[in-house]
Amino acid sequence: MKKVLLSAIAVFSLTFANAQEEEKGTGMGFGKGDLFMSGALSIGSQKTGDVKANGFEIEPKIGYFVSENIAIGGKIGYASMKAENAGVDTNDMSALSLGAFGRYYFTPASQFSLFGELGVDYSTIDDNLADVQQKELGLGLGLGLNYFVSDNWSIEATWAGLGYTSNDNGGNGAEKTNSFGLGGDLRAISFGVNYKF
């Protein structure tokens, strides 16, 4: 009788623990109301003889799941690039950009999820030596995937499939530059890391 009672308690305990685990889930993947953050940060310096160049870029990006499959978000970025040759400035540029994006995730609640992204970016590029400011508008459509390595951290890979940019080249009668591209180069995949709140 003791063995039967202990066996029943053991089975009940395992069943209860399994049910709790299924209810909680692994926590990996995205769901409605989740917030995620990623972005870019780079700093660089180079010197060749009397030529010195340095620059940096910062671009935080944040997204929010408005439904189980759809995330919207935005980003803001700043970049600076300066160069001099024998003490004379040869390049002094800075750029400020704002962007918005929308994503559709095919399997957001799983550890591995494919998504499509549509984004728009607006940038102002200041050439401080020439005293010219360019305005640029960009549209992009691409694919990406997330792989969760823990409940909060995922590795993200993105590929920009279609892209369009329009640059006014400083205005004041300058001809605009319009560019369209189809990204067939699968070597141009970007990798990053996301943090889910």
Protein backbone atom coordinates (compact mmCIF):
# COMPACT_ATOMS: atom_id res chain seq x y z
CA MET A 1 0.00 0.00 0.00
CA LYS A 2 2.90 2.35 0.84
CA LYS A 3 4.47 1.70 -2.57
CA VAL A 4 1.21 2.46 -4.37
CA LEU A 5 0.70 5.68 -2.38
CA LEU A 6 4.32 6.82 -3.00
CA SER A 7 4.01 5.95 -6.68
CA ALA A 8 0.77 7.94 -6.95
CA ILE A 9 2.36 10.95 -5.21
CA ALA A 10 5.38 10.76 -7.52
CA VAL A 11 3.21 10.58 -10.66
CA PHE A 12 1.03 13.47 -9.41
CA SER A 13 4.11 15.58 -8.61
CA LEU A 14 5.69 14.98 -12.02
CA THR A 15 2.40 15.71 -13.81
CA PHE A 16 1.91 18.93 -11.81
CA ALA A 17 5.51 20.08 -12.46
CA ASN A 18 5.16 19.31 -16.18
CA ALA A 19 1.86 21.23 -16.37
CA GLN A 20 3.47 24.24 -14.67
CA GLU A 21 6.39 24.14 -17.10
CA GLU A 22 4.04 23.99 -20.10
CA GLU A 23 2.00 26.88 -18.67
CA LYS A 24 5.10 29.03 -18.14
CA GLY A 25 6.77 28.01 -21.40
CA THR A 26 10.42 28.61 -22.05
CA GLY A 27 10.05 32.38 -22.30
CA MET A 28 11.94 32.31 -25.59
CA GLY A 29 10.40 34.09 -28.54
CA PHE A 30 8.26 37.22 -28.81
CA GLY A 31 4.66 37.90 -27.80
CA LYS A 32 2.18 40.77 -27.83
CA GLY A 33 3.38 43.62 -25.61
CA ASP A 34 7.08 42.65 -25.77
CA LEU A 35 9.65 45.38 -26.23
CA PHE A 36 13.07 44.78 -27.82
CA MET A 37 16.18 46.88 -28.30
CA SER A 38 19.20 46.62 -30.60
CA GLY A 39 21.31 49.05 -32.54
CA ALA A 40 24.77 49.95 -33.71
CA LEU A 41 27.84 51.46 -32.08
CA SER A 42 31.15 51.79 -33.88
CA ILE A 43 34.33 53.77 -33.28
CA GLY A 44 37.29 53.78 -35.63
CA SER A 45 40.64 55.46 -36.21
CA GLN A 46 43.24 55.13 -38.95
CA LYS A 47 46.65 56.72 -39.62
CA THR A 48 48.75 56.42 -42.75
CA GLY A 49 51.78 58.70 -42.79
CA ASP A 50 50.48 62.24 -42.24
CA VAL A 51 46.87 61.24 -42.99
CA LYS A 52 44.71 60.69 -39.91
CA ALA A 53 41.04 59.71 -39.92
CA ASN A 54 38.62 58.93 -37.15
CA GLY A 55 34.90 58.47 -36.84
CA PHE A 56 32.09 57.01 -34.84
CA GLU A 57 28.44 56.02 -35.23
CA ILE A 58 25.68 55.33 -32.73
CA GLU A 59 22.19 54.15 -33.71
CA PRO A 60 19.88 52.68 -31.03
CA LYS A 61 16.78 50.87 -32.30
CA ILE A 62 13.66 49.91 -30.34
CA GLY A 63 10.60 47.86 -31.32
CA TYR A 64 7.26 46.99 -29.75
CA PHE A 65 4.89 44.10 -30.51
CA VAL A 66 1.42 45.56 -31.12
CA SER A 67 0.04 42.07 -31.84
CA GLU A 68 1.31 38.49 -31.79
CA ASN A 69 2.94 38.83 -35.23
CA ILE A 70 3.43 42.57 -35.84
CA ALA A 71 6.15 44.79 -34.36
CA ILE A 72 6.65 48.50 -35.01
CA GLY A 73 9.57 50.62 -34.00
CA GLY A 74 11.97 53.43 -34.57
CA LYS A 75 15.62 54.37 -34.50
CA ILE A 76 17.76 57.48 -34.24
CA GLY A 77 21.36 57.71 -35.31
CA TYR A 78 24.33 60.04 -35.34
CA ALA A 79 27.61 59.57 -37.21
CA SER A 80 30.77 61.67 -37.54
CA MET A 81 33.82 61.29 -39.79
CA LYS A 82 36.87 63.56 -39.71
CA ALA A 83 40.18 63.35 -41.56
CA GLU A 84 43.27 65.54 -41.86
CA ASN A 85 46.48 65.47 -43.86
CA ALA A 86 49.52 67.13 -42.25
CA GLY A 87 47.31 69.19 -39.95
CA VAL A 88 44.91 70.34 -42.73
CA ASP A 89 41.30 69.12 -42.54
CA THR A 90 40.37 67.07 -45.61
CA ASN A 91 37.05 65.63 -44.42
CA ASP A 92 34.60 66.77 -41.74
CA MET A 93 31.17 65.19 -42.11
CA SER A 94 28.36 64.39 -39.71
CA ALA A 95 24.96 62.78 -40.20
CA LEU A 96 21.76 62.61 -38.19
CA SER A 97 19.14 60.02 -39.11
CA LEU A 98 15.63 59.06 -38.00
CA GLY A 99 13.88 55.89 -39.03
CA ALA A 100 10.71 53.87 -38.55
CA PHE A 101 10.05 50.22 -39.32
CA GLY A 102 7.35 47.59 -39.28
CA ARG A 103 7.95 43.85 -39.05
CA TYR A 104 5.80 40.79 -39.60
CA TYR A 105 7.02 37.71 -37.70
CA PHE A 106 5.91 34.36 -39.07
CA THR A 107 6.54 32.37 -35.84
CA PRO A 108 7.16 35.00 -33.14
CA ALA A 109 6.66 32.77 -30.09
CA SER A 110 9.26 30.20 -31.10
CA GLN A 111 13.00 30.16 -30.47
CA PHE A 112 13.69 30.63 -34.19
CA SER A 113 11.56 33.11 -36.17
CA LEU A 114 11.62 34.52 -39.70
CA PHE A 115 10.35 38.07 -40.33
CA GLY A 116 9.83 40.56 -43.13
CA GLU A 117 10.65 44.24 -42.52
CA LEU A 118 9.60 47.46 -44.23
CA GLY A 119 11.49 50.58 -43.16
CA VAL A 120 11.85 54.27 -43.96
CA ASP A 121 14.83 56.48 -43.01
CA TYR A 122 15.39 60.22 -43.24
CA SER A 123 18.92 61.61 -42.92
CA THR A 124 20.66 64.97 -42.99
CA ILE A 125 24.34 64.83 -43.94
CA ASP A 126 26.47 67.88 -43.14
CA ASP A 127 29.69 68.47 -45.06
CA ASN A 128 31.22 71.06 -42.72
CA LEU A 129 34.16 71.89 -45.00
CA ALA A 130 31.99 72.62 -48.04
CA ASP A 131 29.22 74.11 -45.86
CA VAL A 132 26.63 71.89 -47.60
CA GLN A 133 23.77 69.93 -46.07
CA GLN A 134 22.31 66.98 -47.97
CA LYS A 135 18.91 65.47 -47.25
CA GLU A 136 18.30 61.80 -47.97
CA LEU A 137 15.18 59.63 -47.87
CA GLY A 138 15.46 55.86 -47.96
CA LEU A 139 12.95 53.01 -48.19
CA GLY A 140 13.83 49.37 -47.67
CA LEU A 141 12.19 45.96 -47.73
CA GLY A 142 14.08 42.99 -46.36
CA LEU A 143 14.07 39.68 -44.56
CA GLY A 144 15.48 38.66 -41.21
CA LEU A 145 15.48 36.00 -38.56
CA ASN A 146 15.85 35.83 -34.81
CA TYR A 147 17.33 32.97 -32.83
CA PHE A 148 16.88 33.14 -29.06
CA VAL A 149 19.88 31.95 -27.05
CA SER A 150 18.13 32.75 -23.73
CA ASP A 151 14.82 34.17 -22.55
CA ASN A 152 15.95 37.77 -23.20
CA TRP A 153 18.80 37.61 -25.74
CA SER A 154 18.53 36.76 -29.43
CA ILE A 155 20.88 36.79 -32.37
CA GLU A 156 19.44 38.56 -35.39
CA ALA A 157 20.42 38.30 -39.05
CA THR A 158 18.99 40.69 -41.64
CA TRP A 159 19.21 40.94 -45.41
CA ALA A 160 18.14 44.09 -47.27
CA GLY A 161 16.30 42.84 -50.36
CA LEU A 162 14.91 45.98 -52.03
CA GLY A 163 16.10 49.51 -51.44
CA TYR A 164 15.40 53.02 -52.74
CA THR A 165 17.16 56.27 -51.79
CA SER A 166 16.74 59.85 -52.91
CA ASN A 167 19.45 62.41 -52.08
CA ASP A 168 19.09 66.12 -52.88
CA ASN A 169 22.91 66.58 -53.00
CA GLY A 170 22.69 69.82 -51.04
CA GLY A 171 19.84 71.45 -52.98
CA ASN A 172 20.42 74.92 -54.47
CA GLY A 173 19.82 73.65 -58.01
CA ALA A 174 21.93 70.49 -57.60
CA GLU A 175 20.65 67.42 -59.42
CA LYS A 176 19.03 64.80 -57.16
CA THR A 177 20.44 61.30 -57.00
CA ASN A 178 17.84 58.53 -56.98
CA SER A 179 19.01 54.97 -56.44
CA PHE A 180 17.17 51.66 -56.59
CA GLY A 181 18.70 48.33 -55.71
CA LEU A 182 17.75 44.68 -55.48
CA GLY A 183 20.04 43.02 -52.96
CA GLY A 184 20.82 39.69 -54.53
CA ASP A 185 24.14 39.42 -52.71
CA LEU A 186 23.64 36.94 -49.87
CA ARG A 187 27.12 37.86 -48.59
CA ALA A 188 25.62 41.18 -47.44
CA ILE A 189 23.84 39.74 -44.40
CA SER A 190 24.06 41.81 -41.22
CA PHE A 191 24.25 40.21 -37.78
CA GLY A 192 23.25 41.76 -34.49
CA VAL A 193 21.98 41.10 -31.01
CA ASN A 194 18.53 41.93 -29.55
CA TYR A 195 17.53 42.32 -25.94
CA LYS A 196 13.88 41.60 -25.06
CA PHE A 197 12.35 43.37 -22.06
